[in-house]
Amino acid sequence: MSVKQLADNTAKEILTSLGREKAGSDDVSKIVEKALLTVLQETRQGCVDVVKICCSPDLDLAHKIADELRRKEIALIANLSSLR
């Protein structure tokens, strides 16, 4: 499931629980999507920090892993942006 789909489904659940069904669904979906992306970015940065700490004897490996995580994040953001 993509972040966009998760955000849309969550927005629908929120609005349904509030008894508003579709009113404002797009706005709520964008807010949820933004929150999810923020969490993903913070989690990724946390992973990069841990990799750098645990792999300090082999910093080259840590840099390679960090670079790969950054490339995947860029691809994720590009894919999400194209869904808008």
C-alpha atoms as a PDB file:
ATOM      1  CA  MET A   1       0.000   0.000   0.000  1.00  0.00           C
ATOM      2  CA  SER A   2       1.404   3.401  -0.948  1.00  0.00           C
ATOM      3  CA  VAL A   3       1.541   6.373   1.397  1.00  0.00           C
ATOM      4  CA  LYS A   4      -1.083   8.126  -0.763  1.00  0.00           C
ATOM      5  CA  GLN A   5      -3.489   5.197  -0.453  1.00  0.00           C
ATOM      6  CA  LEU A   6      -2.869   4.955   3.280  1.00  0.00           C
ATOM      7  CA  ALA A   7      -3.482   8.697   3.659  1.00  0.00           C
ATOM      8  CA  ASP A   8      -6.704   8.495   1.612  1.00  0.00           C
ATOM      9  CA  ASN A   9      -8.010   5.533   3.598  1.00  0.00           C
ATOM     10  CA  THR A  10      -7.134   7.190   6.899  1.00  0.00           C
ATOM     11  CA  ALA A  11      -8.817  10.444   5.832  1.00  0.00           C
ATOM     12  CA  LYS A  12     -11.984   8.528   4.937  1.00  0.00           C
ATOM     13  CA  GLU A  13     -11.965   6.754   8.303  1.00  0.00           C
ATOM     14  CA  ILE A  14     -11.482  10.045  10.153  1.00  0.00           C
ATOM     15  CA  LEU A  15     -14.289  11.769   8.285  1.00  0.00           C
ATOM     16  CA  THR A  16     -16.612   8.768   8.659  1.00  0.00           C
ATOM     17  CA  SER A  17     -16.012   8.706  12.403  1.00  0.00           C
ATOM     18  CA  LEU A  18     -16.861  12.409  12.502  1.00  0.00           C
ATOM     19  CA  GLY A  19     -19.984  11.808  10.406  1.00  0.00           C
ATOM     20  CA  ARG A  20     -18.776  13.973   7.532  1.00  0.00           C
ATOM     21  CA  GLU A  21     -18.238  11.243   4.909  1.00  0.00           C
ATOM     22  CA  LYS A  22     -16.628  13.040   1.913  1.00  0.00           C
ATOM     23  CA  ALA A  23     -16.619  16.693   2.957  1.00  0.00           C
ATOM     24  CA  GLY A  24     -12.993  17.834   3.033  1.00  0.00           C
ATOM     25  CA  SER A  25     -11.577  14.418   2.194  1.00  0.00           C
ATOM     26  CA  ASP A  26      -8.819  15.819  -0.029  1.00  0.00           C
ATOM     27  CA  ASP A  27      -7.660  18.314   2.606  1.00  0.00           C
ATOM     28  CA  VAL A  28      -7.586  15.703   5.362  1.00  0.00           C
ATOM     29  CA  SER A  29      -5.787  13.257   3.052  1.00  0.00           C
ATOM     30  CA  LYS A  30      -3.061  15.815   2.316  1.00  0.00           C
ATOM     31  CA  ILE A  31      -2.574  16.515   6.026  1.00  0.00           C
ATOM     32  CA  VAL A  32      -2.296  12.802   6.797  1.00  0.00           C
ATOM     33  CA  GLU A  33       0.070  12.256   3.856  1.00  0.00           C
ATOM     34  CA  LYS A  34       2.303  15.100   5.051  1.00  0.00           C
ATOM     35  CA  ALA A  35       2.392  13.622   8.558  1.00  0.00           C
ATOM     36  CA  LEU A  36       3.280  10.177   7.203  1.00  0.00           C
ATOM     37  CA  LEU A  37       6.085  11.600   5.066  1.00  0.00           C
ATOM     38  CA  THR A  38       7.465  13.473   8.070  1.00  0.00           C
ATOM     39  CA  VAL A  39       7.503  10.254  10.090  1.00  0.00           C
ATOM     40  CA  LEU A  40       9.170   8.386   7.218  1.00  0.00           C
ATOM     41  CA  GLN A  41      11.893  11.017   6.909  1.00  0.00           C
ATOM     42  CA  GLU A  42      12.545  11.088  10.659  1.00  0.00           C
ATOM     43  CA  THR A  43      12.665   7.293  10.770  1.00  0.00           C
ATOM     44  CA  ARG A  44      15.075   7.197   7.848  1.00  0.00           C
ATOM     45  CA  GLN A  45      17.336   9.745   9.525  1.00  0.00           C
ATOM     46  CA  GLY A  46      17.243   7.681  12.704  1.00  0.00           C
ATOM     47  CA  CYS A  47      18.281   4.606  10.734  1.00  0.00           C
ATOM     48  CA  VAL A  48      21.134   6.516   9.117  1.00  0.00           C
ATOM     49  CA  ASP A  49      22.333   7.716  12.526  1.00  0.00           C
ATOM     50  CA  VAL A  50      22.246   4.173  13.944  1.00  0.00           C
ATOM     51  CA  VAL A  51      24.120   2.793  10.938  1.00  0.00           C
ATOM     52  CA  LYS A  52      26.806   5.429  11.356  1.00  0.00           C
ATOM     53  CA  ILE A  53      27.197   4.577  15.043  1.00  0.00           C
ATOM     54  CA  CYS A  54      27.181   0.797  14.742  1.00  0.00           C
ATOM     55  CA  CYS A  55      29.377   0.732  11.662  1.00  0.00           C
ATOM     56  CA  SER A  56      31.918   3.309  12.830  1.00  0.00           C
ATOM     57  CA  PRO A  57      34.872   0.971  12.218  1.00  0.00           C
ATOM     58  CA  ASP A  58      33.724   0.714   8.622  1.00  0.00           C
ATOM     59  CA  LEU A  59      32.532   4.238   7.828  1.00  0.00           C
ATOM     60  CA  ASP A  60      32.668   3.512   4.112  1.00  0.00           C
ATOM     61  CA  LEU A  61      29.933   0.892   4.547  1.00  0.00           C
ATOM     62  CA  ALA A  62      27.887   3.292   6.667  1.00  0.00           C
ATOM     63  CA  HIS A  63      28.147   5.970   3.972  1.00  0.00           C
ATOM     64  CA  LYS A  64      27.108   3.510   1.277  1.00  0.00           C
ATOM     65  CA  ILE A  65      24.061   2.450   3.295  1.00  0.00           C
ATOM     66  CA  ALA A  66      23.164   6.080   4.065  1.00  0.00           C
ATOM     67  CA  ASP A  67      23.472   7.001   0.379  1.00  0.00           C
ATOM     68  CA  GLU A  68      21.219   4.090  -0.594  1.00  0.00           C
ATOM     69  CA  LEU A  69      18.614   5.182   1.978  1.00  0.00           C
ATOM     70  CA  ARG A  70      18.716   8.739   0.594  1.00  0.00           C
ATOM     71  CA  ARG A  71      18.238   7.480  -2.971  1.00  0.00           C
ATOM     72  CA  LYS A  72      15.241   5.422  -1.890  1.00  0.00           C
ATOM     73  CA  GLU A  73      13.750   8.410  -0.062  1.00  0.00           C
ATOM     74  CA  ILE A  74      14.162  10.592  -3.158  1.00  0.00           C
ATOM     75  CA  ALA A  75      12.458   7.916  -5.269  1.00  0.00           C
ATOM     76  CA  LEU A  76       9.622   7.636  -2.733  1.00  0.00           C
ATOM     77  CA  ILE A  77       9.043  11.385  -2.680  1.00  0.00           C
ATOM     78  CA  ALA A  78       9.137  11.537  -6.492  1.00  0.00           C
ATOM     79  CA  ASN A  79       6.558   8.738  -6.710  1.00  0.00           C
ATOM     80  CA  LEU A  80       4.319  10.393  -4.131  1.00  0.00           C
ATOM     81  CA  SER A  81       4.602  13.758  -5.880  1.00  0.00           C
ATOM     82  CA  SER A  82       3.555  12.184  -9.164  1.00  0.00           C
ATOM     83  CA  LEU A  83       0.374  10.859  -7.542  1.00  0.00           C
ATOM     84  CA  ARG A  84      -0.869  14.366  -6.784  1.00  0.00           C
END
